[in-house]
C-alpha atoms as a PDB file:
ATOM      1  CA  UNK A   1       0.084   0.009   0.132  1.00  0.00           C
ATOM      2  CA  UNK A   2       1.372   3.177  -1.043  1.00  0.00           C
ATOM      3  CA  UNK A   3       1.392   5.835   1.560  1.00  0.00           C
ATOM      4  CA  UNK A   4       0.223   9.885   0.307  1.00  0.00           C
ATOM      5  CA  UNK A   5       3.075  12.439   1.480  1.00  0.00           C
ATOM      6  CA  UNK A   6       1.703  14.848   3.559  1.00  0.00           C
ATOM      7  CA  UNK A   7       1.070  18.160   2.116  1.00  0.00           C
ATOM      8  CA  UNK A   8       2.427  21.629   3.660  1.00  0.00           C
ATOM      9  CA  UNK A   9       1.260  24.526   1.703  1.00  0.00           C
ATOM     10  CA  UNK A  10       3.302  27.499   1.406  1.00  0.00           C
ATOM     11  CA  UNK A  11       1.768  30.632   3.054  1.00  0.00           C
ATOM     12  CA  UNK A  12       3.027  32.894   0.299  1.00  0.00           C
ATOM     13  CA  UNK A  13       1.468  31.101  -2.235  1.00  0.00           C
ATOM     14  CA  UNK A  14      -1.836  30.580  -0.322  1.00  0.00           C
ATOM     15  CA  UNK A  15      -1.304  34.503   0.249  1.00  0.00           C
ATOM     16  CA  UNK A  16      -1.307  35.263  -3.229  1.00  0.00           C
ATOM     17  CA  UNK A  17      -4.442  33.036  -4.482  1.00  0.00           C
ATOM     18  CA  UNK A  18      -6.710  34.714  -1.661  1.00  0.00           C
ATOM     19  CA  UNK A  19      -5.397  38.264  -2.473  1.00  0.00           C
ATOM     20  CA  UNK A  20      -6.086  37.521  -5.961  1.00  0.00           C
ATOM     21  CA  UNK A  21      -9.520  36.289  -5.638  1.00  0.00           C
ATOM     22  CA  UNK A  22     -10.194  39.116  -2.756  1.00  0.00           C
ATOM     23  CA  UNK A  23      -9.157  41.969  -5.376  1.00  0.00           C
ATOM     24  CA  UNK A  24     -10.602  40.146  -7.997  1.00  0.00           C
ATOM     25  CA  UNK A  25      -7.429  39.927  -9.995  1.00  0.00           C
ATOM     26  CA  UNK A  26      -4.208  38.375  -9.778  1.00  0.00           C
ATOM     27  CA  UNK A  27      -2.791  41.337 -12.043  1.00  0.00           C
ATOM     28  CA  UNK A  28      -3.638  43.645  -9.352  1.00  0.00           C
ATOM     29  CA  UNK A  29      -2.615  40.785  -6.133  1.00  0.00           C
ATOM     30  CA  UNK A  30       0.592  40.679  -7.943  1.00  0.00           C
ATOM     31  CA  UNK A  31       0.957  44.482  -7.330  1.00  0.00           C
ATOM     32  CA  UNK A  32      -0.539  44.525  -4.010  1.00  0.00           C
ATOM     33  CA  UNK A  33       2.052  41.648  -2.374  1.00  0.00           C
ATOM     34  CA  UNK A  34       5.082  43.384  -3.980  1.00  0.00           C
ATOM     35  CA  UNK A  35       5.460  40.600  -6.942  1.00  0.00           C
ATOM     36  CA  UNK A  36       5.917  39.804 -10.440  1.00  0.00           C
ATOM     37  CA  UNK A  37       2.602  38.129 -11.974  1.00  0.00           C
ATOM     38  CA  UNK A  38       4.863  35.264 -13.064  1.00  0.00           C
ATOM     39  CA  UNK A  39       5.413  34.285  -9.556  1.00  0.00           C
ATOM     40  CA  UNK A  40       1.961  34.763  -8.023  1.00  0.00           C
ATOM     41  CA  UNK A  41       1.368  32.351 -11.103  1.00  0.00           C
ATOM     42  CA  UNK A  42       3.920  30.228 -10.220  1.00  0.00           C
ATOM     43  CA  UNK A  43       2.674  30.264  -6.895  1.00  0.00           C
ATOM     44  CA  UNK A  44      -0.939  29.118  -8.330  1.00  0.00           C
ATOM     45  CA  UNK A  45       0.433  26.201 -10.190  1.00  0.00           C
ATOM     46  CA  UNK A  46       2.620  25.246  -7.519  1.00  0.00           C
ATOM     47  CA  UNK A  47      -0.797  25.096  -5.041  1.00  0.00           C
ATOM     48  CA  UNK A  48      -3.019  22.978  -7.858  1.00  0.00           C
ATOM     49  CA  UNK A  49      -0.083  20.452  -8.402  1.00  0.00           C
ATOM     50  CA  UNK A  50       0.100  20.348  -4.304  1.00  0.00           C
ATOM     51  CA  UNK A  51      -4.148  19.928  -4.187  1.00  0.00           C
ATOM     52  CA  UNK A  52      -3.720  17.484  -6.911  1.00  0.00           C
ATOM     53  CA  UNK A  53      -7.030  19.319  -9.189  1.00  0.00           C
ATOM     54  CA  UNK A  54      -7.609  22.243 -10.930  1.00  0.00           C
ATOM     55  CA  UNK A  55      -8.479  25.498  -8.275  1.00  0.00           C
ATOM     56  CA  UNK A  56      -9.517  28.059 -11.129  1.00  0.00           C
ATOM     57  CA  UNK A  57     -10.937  28.021 -14.270  1.00  0.00           C
ATOM     58  CA  UNK A  58     -11.965  30.064 -17.241  1.00  0.00           C
ATOM     59  CA  UNK A  59     -14.909  31.978 -17.563  1.00  0.00           C
ATOM     60  CA  UNK A  60     -15.740  34.696 -19.651  1.00  0.00           C
ATOM     61  CA  UNK A  61     -12.523  36.772 -19.859  1.00  0.00           C
ATOM     62  CA  UNK A  62     -11.334  36.011 -16.054  1.00  0.00           C
ATOM     63  CA  UNK A  63     -11.360  33.385 -13.681  1.00  0.00           C
ATOM     64  CA  UNK A  64     -13.450  31.828 -11.246  1.00  0.00           C
ATOM     65  CA  UNK A  65     -13.142  29.152  -8.048  1.00  0.00           C
ATOM     66  CA  UNK A  66     -13.693  25.283  -8.702  1.00  0.00           C
ATOM     67  CA  UNK A  67     -14.910  23.553  -6.332  1.00  0.00           C
ATOM     68  CA  UNK A  68     -11.484  22.332  -4.858  1.00  0.00           C
ATOM     69  CA  UNK A  69     -10.706  25.780  -4.923  1.00  0.00           C
ATOM     70  CA  UNK A  70     -13.780  27.173  -2.832  1.00  0.00           C
ATOM     71  CA  UNK A  71     -12.839  24.577  -0.408  1.00  0.00           C
ATOM     72  CA  UNK A  72      -9.023  25.449  -0.408  1.00  0.00           C
ATOM     73  CA  UNK A  73      -9.960  29.684   0.260  1.00  0.00           C
ATOM     74  CA  UNK A  74     -11.450  28.848   3.420  1.00  0.00           C
ATOM     75  CA  UNK A  75      -8.379  27.312   4.689  1.00  0.00           C
ATOM     76  CA  UNK A  76      -6.407  29.563   3.236  1.00  0.00           C
ATOM     77  CA  UNK A  77      -8.340  32.410   4.589  1.00  0.00           C
ATOM     78  CA  UNK A  78      -7.842  30.904   7.795  1.00  0.00           C
ATOM     79  CA  UNK A  79      -4.000  29.928   7.587  1.00  0.00           C
ATOM     80  CA  UNK A  80      -3.061  32.670   6.947  1.00  0.00           C
ATOM     81  CA  UNK A  81      -5.102  34.848  10.091  1.00  0.00           C
ATOM     82  CA  UNK A  82      -3.987  32.556  12.203  1.00  0.00           C
ATOM     83  CA  UNK A  83       0.500  33.201  11.150  1.00  0.00           C
ATOM     84  CA  UNK A  84      -0.665  36.839  10.619  1.00  0.00           C
ATOM     85  CA  UNK A  85      -2.174  36.895  14.083  1.00  0.00           C
ATOM     86  CA  UNK A  86       1.015  34.806  15.290  1.00  0.00           C
ATOM     87  CA  UNK A  87       3.829  37.337  14.103  1.00  0.00           C
ATOM     88  CA  UNK A  88       1.680  40.264  15.017  1.00  0.00           C
ATOM     89  CA  UNK A  89       1.294  38.538  18.851  1.00  0.00           C
ATOM     90  CA  UNK A  90       5.731  37.990  18.895  1.00  0.00           C
ATOM     91  CA  UNK A  91       6.628  41.214  17.466  1.00  0.00           C
ATOM     92  CA  UNK A  92       4.350  43.352  19.667  1.00  0.00           C
ATOM     93  CA  UNK A  93       4.092  40.630  22.742  1.00  0.00           C
ATOM     94  CA  UNK A  94       4.539  44.218  25.719  1.00  0.00           C
ATOM     95  CA  UNK A  95       2.315  46.168  23.420  1.00  0.00           C
ATOM     96  CA  UNK A  96      -0.278  47.894  25.608  1.00  0.00           C
ATOM     97  CA  UNK A  97      -2.318  51.293  25.971  1.00  0.00           C
ATOM     98  CA  UNK A  98      -5.850  52.248  24.925  1.00  0.00           C
ATOM     99  CA  UNK A  99      -6.726  52.834  21.038  1.00  0.00           C
ATOM    100  CA  UNK A 100     -10.255  54.358  20.733  1.00  0.00           C
ATOM    101  CA  UNK A 101     -11.635  53.377  17.251  1.00  0.00           C
ATOM    102  CA  UNK A 102     -14.532  55.069  15.155  1.00  0.00           C
ATOM    103  CA  UNK A 103     -16.260  52.818  12.454  1.00  0.00           C
ATOM    104  CA  UNK A 104     -19.347  53.177  10.564  1.00  0.00           C
ATOM    105  CA  UNK A 105     -22.148  50.264  10.886  1.00  0.00           C
ATOM    106  CA  UNK A 106     -21.423  49.028   7.612  1.00  0.00           C
ATOM    107  CA  UNK A 107     -18.090  47.457   9.127  1.00  0.00           C
ATOM    108  CA  UNK A 108     -19.499  46.413  12.018  1.00  0.00           C
ATOM    109  CA  UNK A 109     -20.192  43.208  11.422  1.00  0.00           C
ATOM    110  CA  UNK A 110     -17.478  41.997   9.357  1.00  0.00           C
ATOM    111  CA  UNK A 111     -14.406  43.770  10.876  1.00  0.00           C
ATOM    112  CA  UNK A 112     -15.226  44.066  14.301  1.00  0.00           C
ATOM    113  CA  UNK A 113     -14.644  40.340  14.917  1.00  0.00           C
ATOM    114  CA  UNK A 114     -12.321  39.509  12.423  1.00  0.00           C
ATOM    115  CA  UNK A 115      -9.740  42.428  12.445  1.00  0.00           C
ATOM    116  CA  UNK A 116     -10.433  43.306  16.359  1.00  0.00           C
ATOM    117  CA  UNK A 117     -10.926  40.350  17.546  1.00  0.00           C
ATOM    118  CA  UNK A 118      -7.407  38.608  16.338  1.00  0.00           C
ATOM    119  CA  UNK A 119      -5.957  42.230  17.814  1.00  0.00           C
ATOM    120  CA  UNK A 120      -7.353  41.598  20.918  1.00  0.00           C
ATOM    121  CA  UNK A 121      -6.164  37.915  21.103  1.00  0.00           C
ATOM    122  CA  UNK A 122      -2.889  39.248  19.618  1.00  0.00           C
ATOM    123  CA  UNK A 123      -2.152  41.984  22.146  1.00  0.00           C
ATOM    124  CA  UNK A 124      -4.616  41.304  25.197  1.00  0.00           C
ATOM    125  CA  UNK A 125      -2.762  43.980  27.439  1.00  0.00           C
ATOM    126  CA  UNK A 126      -4.081  46.788  24.235  1.00  0.00           C
ATOM    127  CA  UNK A 127      -7.521  48.104  25.236  1.00  0.00           C
ATOM    128  CA  UNK A 128      -9.848  48.656  22.387  1.00  0.00           C
ATOM    129  CA  UNK A 129     -12.608  51.374  22.708  1.00  0.00           C
ATOM    130  CA  UNK A 130     -15.073  50.938  19.462  1.00  0.00           C
ATOM    131  CA  UNK A 131     -17.818  53.140  18.665  1.00  0.00           C
ATOM    132  CA  UNK A 132     -19.992  52.914  15.758  1.00  0.00           C
ATOM    133  CA  UNK A 133     -21.874  55.862  14.505  1.00  0.00           C
ATOM    134  CA  UNK A 134     -22.518  58.249  11.621  1.00  0.00           C
ATOM    135  CA  UNK A 135     -19.904  59.753   9.290  1.00  0.00           C
ATOM    136  CA  UNK A 136     -20.633  63.341  10.895  1.00  0.00           C
ATOM    137  CA  UNK A 137     -20.121  61.905  14.203  1.00  0.00           C
ATOM    138  CA  UNK A 138     -16.753  59.720  13.469  1.00  0.00           C
ATOM    139  CA  UNK A 139     -15.139  63.035  12.025  1.00  0.00           C
ATOM    140  CA  UNK A 140     -16.029  65.584  14.818  1.00  0.00           C
ATOM    141  CA  UNK A 141     -14.725  63.290  17.407  1.00  0.00           C
ATOM    142  CA  UNK A 142     -11.607  62.440  15.460  1.00  0.00           C
ATOM    143  CA  UNK A 143     -11.128  66.557  14.869  1.00  0.00           C
ATOM    144  CA  UNK A 144     -11.559  66.576  19.041  1.00  0.00           C
ATOM    145  CA  UNK A 145      -9.496  63.937  20.006  1.00  0.00           C
ATOM    146  CA  UNK A 146     -12.117  61.852  21.572  1.00  0.00           C
ATOM    147  CA  UNK A 147     -11.011  58.960  18.864  1.00  0.00           C
ATOM    148  CA  UNK A 148      -7.492  57.490  18.054  1.00  0.00           C
ATOM    149  CA  UNK A 149      -8.757  56.141  14.451  1.00  0.00           C
ATOM    150  CA  UNK A 150     -11.569  56.365  12.494  1.00  0.00           C
ATOM    151  CA  UNK A 151     -12.749  54.489   9.561  1.00  0.00           C
ATOM    152  CA  UNK A 152     -15.239  56.218   7.204  1.00  0.00           C
ATOM    153  CA  UNK A 153     -17.208  57.338   4.195  1.00  0.00           C
ATOM    154  CA  UNK A 154     -15.464  59.462   2.159  1.00  0.00           C
ATOM    155  CA  UNK A 155     -17.488  62.797   2.629  1.00  0.00           C
ATOM    156  CA  UNK A 156     -15.242  64.842   0.921  1.00  0.00           C
ATOM    157  CA  UNK A 157     -14.574  66.840   4.313  1.00  0.00           C
ATOM    158  CA  UNK A 158     -10.955  65.841   5.560  1.00  0.00           C
ATOM    159  CA  UNK A 159      -8.911  65.852   8.574  1.00  0.00           C
ATOM    160  CA  UNK A 160      -5.691  66.309   9.206  1.00  0.00           C
ATOM    161  CA  UNK A 161      -4.366  62.956   8.872  1.00  0.00           C
ATOM    162  CA  UNK A 162      -5.959  60.393   7.130  1.00  0.00           C
ATOM    163  CA  UNK A 163      -5.268  58.210   4.279  1.00  0.00           C
ATOM    164  CA  UNK A 164      -7.809  56.996   1.457  1.00  0.00           C
ATOM    165  CA  UNK A 165      -8.539  52.819   1.772  1.00  0.00           C
ATOM    166  CA  UNK A 166      -9.737  52.664  -2.063  1.00  0.00           C
ATOM    167  CA  UNK A 167     -13.784  52.724  -2.953  1.00  0.00           C
ATOM    168  CA  UNK A 168     -16.387  50.782  -2.700  1.00  0.00           C
ATOM    169  CA  UNK A 169     -19.361  50.590  -5.515  1.00  0.00           C
ATOM    170  CA  UNK A 170     -22.496  51.500  -4.402  1.00  0.00           C
ATOM    171  CA  UNK A 171     -25.578  49.913  -5.347  1.00  0.00           C
ATOM    172  CA  UNK A 172     -29.216  49.858  -5.741  1.00  0.00           C
ATOM    173  CA  UNK A 173     -30.214  47.109  -3.625  1.00  0.00           C
ATOM    174  CA  UNK A 174     -33.578  45.321  -3.223  1.00  0.00           C
ATOM    175  CA  UNK A 175     -35.462  42.481  -1.690  1.00  0.00           C
ATOM    176  CA  UNK A 176     -35.026  39.253  -3.335  1.00  0.00           C
ATOM    177  CA  UNK A 177     -38.506  39.359  -5.230  1.00  0.00           C
ATOM    178  CA  UNK A 178     -38.482  43.193  -6.193  1.00  0.00           C
ATOM    179  CA  UNK A 179     -38.287  43.347 -10.075  1.00  0.00           C
ATOM    180  CA  UNK A 180     -37.873  47.005 -12.001  1.00  0.00           C
ATOM    181  CA  UNK A 181     -39.887  46.332 -14.639  1.00  0.00           C
ATOM    182  CA  UNK A 182     -43.222  45.566 -12.891  1.00  0.00           C
ATOM    183  CA  UNK A 183     -42.959  48.588 -10.509  1.00  0.00           C
ATOM    184  CA  UNK A 184     -42.016  50.822 -14.094  1.00  0.00           C
ATOM    185  CA  UNK A 185     -44.854  49.707 -15.542  1.00  0.00           C
ATOM    186  CA  UNK A 186     -46.816  50.726 -12.297  1.00  0.00           C
ATOM    187  CA  UNK A 187     -46.417  53.758 -12.634  1.00  0.00           C
ATOM    188  CA  UNK A 188     -45.586  54.520  -8.912  1.00  0.00           C
ATOM    189  CA  UNK A 189     -42.422  56.077  -7.181  1.00  0.00           C
ATOM    190  CA  UNK A 190     -39.673  54.537  -6.391  1.00  0.00           C
ATOM    191  CA  UNK A 191     -40.198  53.656  -2.651  1.00  0.00           C
ATOM    192  CA  UNK A 192     -36.871  54.428  -0.926  1.00  0.00           C
ATOM    193  CA  UNK A 193     -35.612  52.770   2.438  1.00  0.00           C
ATOM    194  CA  UNK A 194     -33.110  54.968   3.500  1.00  0.00           C
ATOM    195  CA  UNK A 195     -30.900  56.677   6.503  1.00  0.00           C
ATOM    196  CA  UNK A 196     -32.290  60.033   8.313  1.00  0.00           C
ATOM    197  CA  UNK A 197     -30.875  62.410   6.638  1.00  0.00           C
ATOM    198  CA  UNK A 198     -28.110  64.562   6.468  1.00  0.00           C
ATOM    199  CA  UNK A 199     -26.418  60.563   4.504  1.00  0.00           C
ATOM    200  CA  UNK A 200     -24.594  60.712   1.334  1.00  0.00           C
ATOM    201  CA  UNK A 201     -25.832  56.917   0.249  1.00  0.00           C
ATOM    202  CA  UNK A 202     -29.721  59.137   0.769  1.00  0.00           C
ATOM    203  CA  UNK A 203     -28.186  61.633  -1.305  1.00  0.00           C
ATOM    204  CA  UNK A 204     -27.157  59.574  -3.757  1.00  0.00           C
ATOM    205  CA  UNK A 205     -29.862  57.351  -4.464  1.00  0.00           C
ATOM    206  CA  UNK A 206     -32.064  60.630  -4.836  1.00  0.00           C
ATOM    207  CA  UNK A 207     -30.187  62.924  -6.985  1.00  0.00           C
ATOM    208  CA  UNK A 208     -29.663  59.882  -9.579  1.00  0.00           C
ATOM    209  CA  UNK A 209     -33.644  59.338  -9.078  1.00  0.00           C
ATOM    210  CA  UNK A 210     -33.891  63.040  -9.899  1.00  0.00           C
ATOM    211  CA  UNK A 211     -30.988  62.964 -13.011  1.00  0.00           C
ATOM    212  CA  UNK A 212     -32.874  60.340 -14.703  1.00  0.00           C
ATOM    213  CA  UNK A 213     -36.197  62.046 -14.322  1.00  0.00           C
ATOM    214  CA  UNK A 214     -37.645  58.583 -12.015  1.00  0.00           C
ATOM    215  CA  UNK A 215     -40.104  59.748  -9.134  1.00  0.00           C
ATOM    216  CA  UNK A 216     -39.607  58.349  -5.892  1.00  0.00           C
ATOM    217  CA  UNK A 217     -40.819  58.380  -2.167  1.00  0.00           C
ATOM    218  CA  UNK A 218     -39.586  57.827   0.811  1.00  0.00           C
ATOM    219  CA  UNK A 219     -41.040  54.966   2.404  1.00  0.00           C
ATOM    220  CA  UNK A 220     -39.188  53.951   5.418  1.00  0.00           C
ATOM    221  CA  UNK A 221     -35.948  56.243   7.312  1.00  0.00           C
ATOM    222  CA  UNK A 222     -34.081  54.207  10.124  1.00  0.00           C
ATOM    223  CA  UNK A 223     -30.936  55.557  12.167  1.00  0.00           C
ATOM    224  CA  UNK A 224     -29.543  52.207  12.437  1.00  0.00           C
ATOM    225  CA  UNK A 225     -28.106  49.743   9.640  1.00  0.00           C
ATOM    226  CA  UNK A 226     -29.607  47.117  11.352  1.00  0.00           C
ATOM    227  CA  UNK A 227     -33.361  48.834  10.400  1.00  0.00           C
ATOM    228  CA  UNK A 228     -32.366  49.662   6.595  1.00  0.00           C
ATOM    229  CA  UNK A 229     -31.906  46.096   6.020  1.00  0.00           C
ATOM    230  CA  UNK A 230     -34.925  44.293   7.939  1.00  0.00           C
ATOM    231  CA  UNK A 231     -36.919  47.049   5.858  1.00  0.00           C
ATOM    232  CA  UNK A 232     -35.677  46.097   2.674  1.00  0.00           C
ATOM    233  CA  UNK A 233     -35.546  42.318   3.372  1.00  0.00           C
ATOM    234  CA  UNK A 234     -39.700  43.011   4.141  1.00  0.00           C
ATOM    235  CA  UNK A 235     -40.072  44.271   0.972  1.00  0.00           C
ATOM    236  CA  UNK A 236     -40.761  47.854   1.996  1.00  0.00           C
ATOM    237  CA  UNK A 237     -38.186  49.191  -0.966  1.00  0.00           C
ATOM    238  CA  UNK A 238     -34.633  49.780  -2.197  1.00  0.00           C
ATOM    239  CA  UNK A 239     -31.906  50.851  -0.968  1.00  0.00           C
ATOM    240  CA  UNK A 240     -27.940  52.738  -1.914  1.00  0.00           C
ATOM    241  CA  UNK A 241     -25.752  51.181  -0.105  1.00  0.00           C
ATOM    242  CA  UNK A 242     -21.706  49.454  -0.914  1.00  0.00           C
ATOM    243  CA  UNK A 243     -21.897  45.961  -0.305  1.00  0.00           C
ATOM    244  CA  UNK A 244     -20.122  45.826   2.778  1.00  0.00           C
ATOM    245  CA  UNK A 245     -21.557  43.794   5.243  1.00  0.00           C
ATOM    246  CA  UNK A 246     -24.960  43.279   3.257  1.00  0.00           C
ATOM    247  CA  UNK A 247     -26.991  40.312   4.837  1.00  0.00           C
ATOM    248  CA  UNK A 248     -28.475  37.154   3.521  1.00  0.00           C
ATOM    249  CA  UNK A 249     -32.504  38.675   2.568  1.00  0.00           C
ATOM    250  CA  UNK A 250     -31.491  41.006   0.478  1.00  0.00           C
ATOM    251  CA  UNK A 251     -29.768  41.431  -3.328  1.00  0.00           C
ATOM    252  CA  UNK A 252     -27.941  43.884  -5.399  1.00  0.00           C
ATOM    253  CA  UNK A 253     -29.921  44.876  -8.631  1.00  0.00           C
ATOM    254  CA  UNK A 254     -28.628  44.273 -12.220  1.00  0.00           C
ATOM    255  CA  UNK A 255     -26.344  47.243 -13.276  1.00  0.00           C
ATOM    256  CA  UNK A 256     -28.498  49.128 -15.470  1.00  0.00           C
ATOM    257  CA  UNK A 257     -31.803  48.497 -14.088  1.00  0.00           C
ATOM    258  CA  UNK A 258     -31.786  52.078 -12.148  1.00  0.00           C
ATOM    259  CA  UNK A 259     -29.151  54.661 -12.940  1.00  0.00           C
ATOM    260  CA  UNK A 260     -25.868  54.349 -12.270  1.00  0.00           C
ATOM    261  CA  UNK A 261     -24.075  55.380  -9.123  1.00  0.00           C
ATOM    262  CA  UNK A 262     -20.650  56.593  -8.176  1.00  0.00           C
ATOM    263  CA  UNK A 263     -18.163  54.289  -5.920  1.00  0.00           C
ATOM    264  CA  UNK A 264     -17.831  55.892  -2.502  1.00  0.00           C
ATOM    265  CA  UNK A 265     -14.127  56.559  -0.827  1.00  0.00           C
ATOM    266  CA  UNK A 266     -13.123  54.594   2.310  1.00  0.00           C
ATOM    267  CA  UNK A 267     -11.066  56.897   4.667  1.00  0.00           C
ATOM    268  CA  UNK A 268      -8.885  56.077   8.085  1.00  0.00           C
ATOM    269  CA  UNK A 269      -8.907  59.369   9.862  1.00  0.00           C
ATOM    270  CA  UNK A 270      -6.473  59.713  13.044  1.00  0.00           C
ATOM    271  CA  UNK A 271      -6.446  62.120  15.508  1.00  0.00           C
ATOM    272  CA  UNK A 272      -2.506  62.747  15.953  1.00  0.00           C
ATOM    273  CA  UNK A 273       0.105  62.252  12.807  1.00  0.00           C
ATOM    274  CA  UNK A 274       2.304  59.760  14.712  1.00  0.00           C
ATOM    275  CA  UNK A 275       0.193  58.462  17.872  1.00  0.00           C
ATOM    276  CA  UNK A 276       1.634  55.575  20.272  1.00  0.00           C
ATOM    277  CA  UNK A 277       2.624  52.177  19.208  1.00  0.00           C
ATOM    278  CA  UNK A 278      -0.395  50.275  19.875  1.00  0.00           C
ATOM    279  CA  UNK A 279      -3.101  53.272  17.515  1.00  0.00           C
ATOM    280  CA  UNK A 280      -0.271  52.766  15.141  1.00  0.00           C
ATOM    281  CA  UNK A 281      -0.451  48.540  14.784  1.00  0.00           C
ATOM    282  CA  UNK A 282      -3.767  48.716  14.464  1.00  0.00           C
ATOM    283  CA  UNK A 283      -3.754  51.499  12.038  1.00  0.00           C
ATOM    284  CA  UNK A 284      -1.863  49.009  10.300  1.00  0.00           C
ATOM    285  CA  UNK A 285      -3.804  46.175  10.251  1.00  0.00           C
ATOM    286  CA  UNK A 286      -6.757  48.587   9.395  1.00  0.00           C
ATOM    287  CA  UNK A 287      -5.011  49.349   6.445  1.00  0.00           C
ATOM    288  CA  UNK A 288      -3.588  45.799   5.634  1.00  0.00           C
ATOM    289  CA  UNK A 289      -7.154  44.604   5.372  1.00  0.00           C
ATOM    290  CA  UNK A 290      -9.002  47.322   3.800  1.00  0.00           C
ATOM    291  CA  UNK A 291      -7.063  48.971   1.331  1.00  0.00           C
ATOM    292  CA  UNK A 292      -7.625  48.201  -2.342  1.00  0.00           C
END
């Protein structure tokens, strides 16, 4: 009986694979990782040899994961997260202090457990005080020194120490049963589910509809993102958000069914140019996880 050799995956290979999937492009992954595209291709080829099956297949002009690739992706993310957490812990084992972080509610469900959870485990002596709030509040708190870091949408308002982390596409998001054609045939205004004003995405929605000459009405307003998602899921109307933190039970409408929307920037604001070591470490992790 021939025993199968034990496979030991190389973390660099896994990182190339995961980064390419998350960015939607292995050329962009090579740029992000500071490698050549041929090096990234070699990493993917090595992974396929180790797996013994293709992990990617062609689909149109791009590549999509096979079933083996989807399975590998989940394990790869866990391995990389554990590796990065270990590296962070041993490098900053004596890190201590307090970090006051503010963030948009859109990032709460995914960012808080994934990033802040691993940071807290790696640096148990650092106390994190996290606050979820609207954009205007987050910027005010950073400017007034009530927060060390703030993860906010780009509203066009600058702070002295900020870093752009790329953009997220705004999307029209609707209940699964919503269909544009029957609604248009009804002649009724488009029902909108939105935050209380002022709100960047509320303004983006109404301005896009006005430019297109499409009548609309505010069907539901909320002060919380959970309220927005619940109302859309219940069929009360459509909303404009990014797909960050989008739950099951709602769906982005295909492009072209409603007016096009612009991308929305994500910005990390800092209260100080040179904050203490704990704040710098968390800021570095935020940039690595969210920069596009």
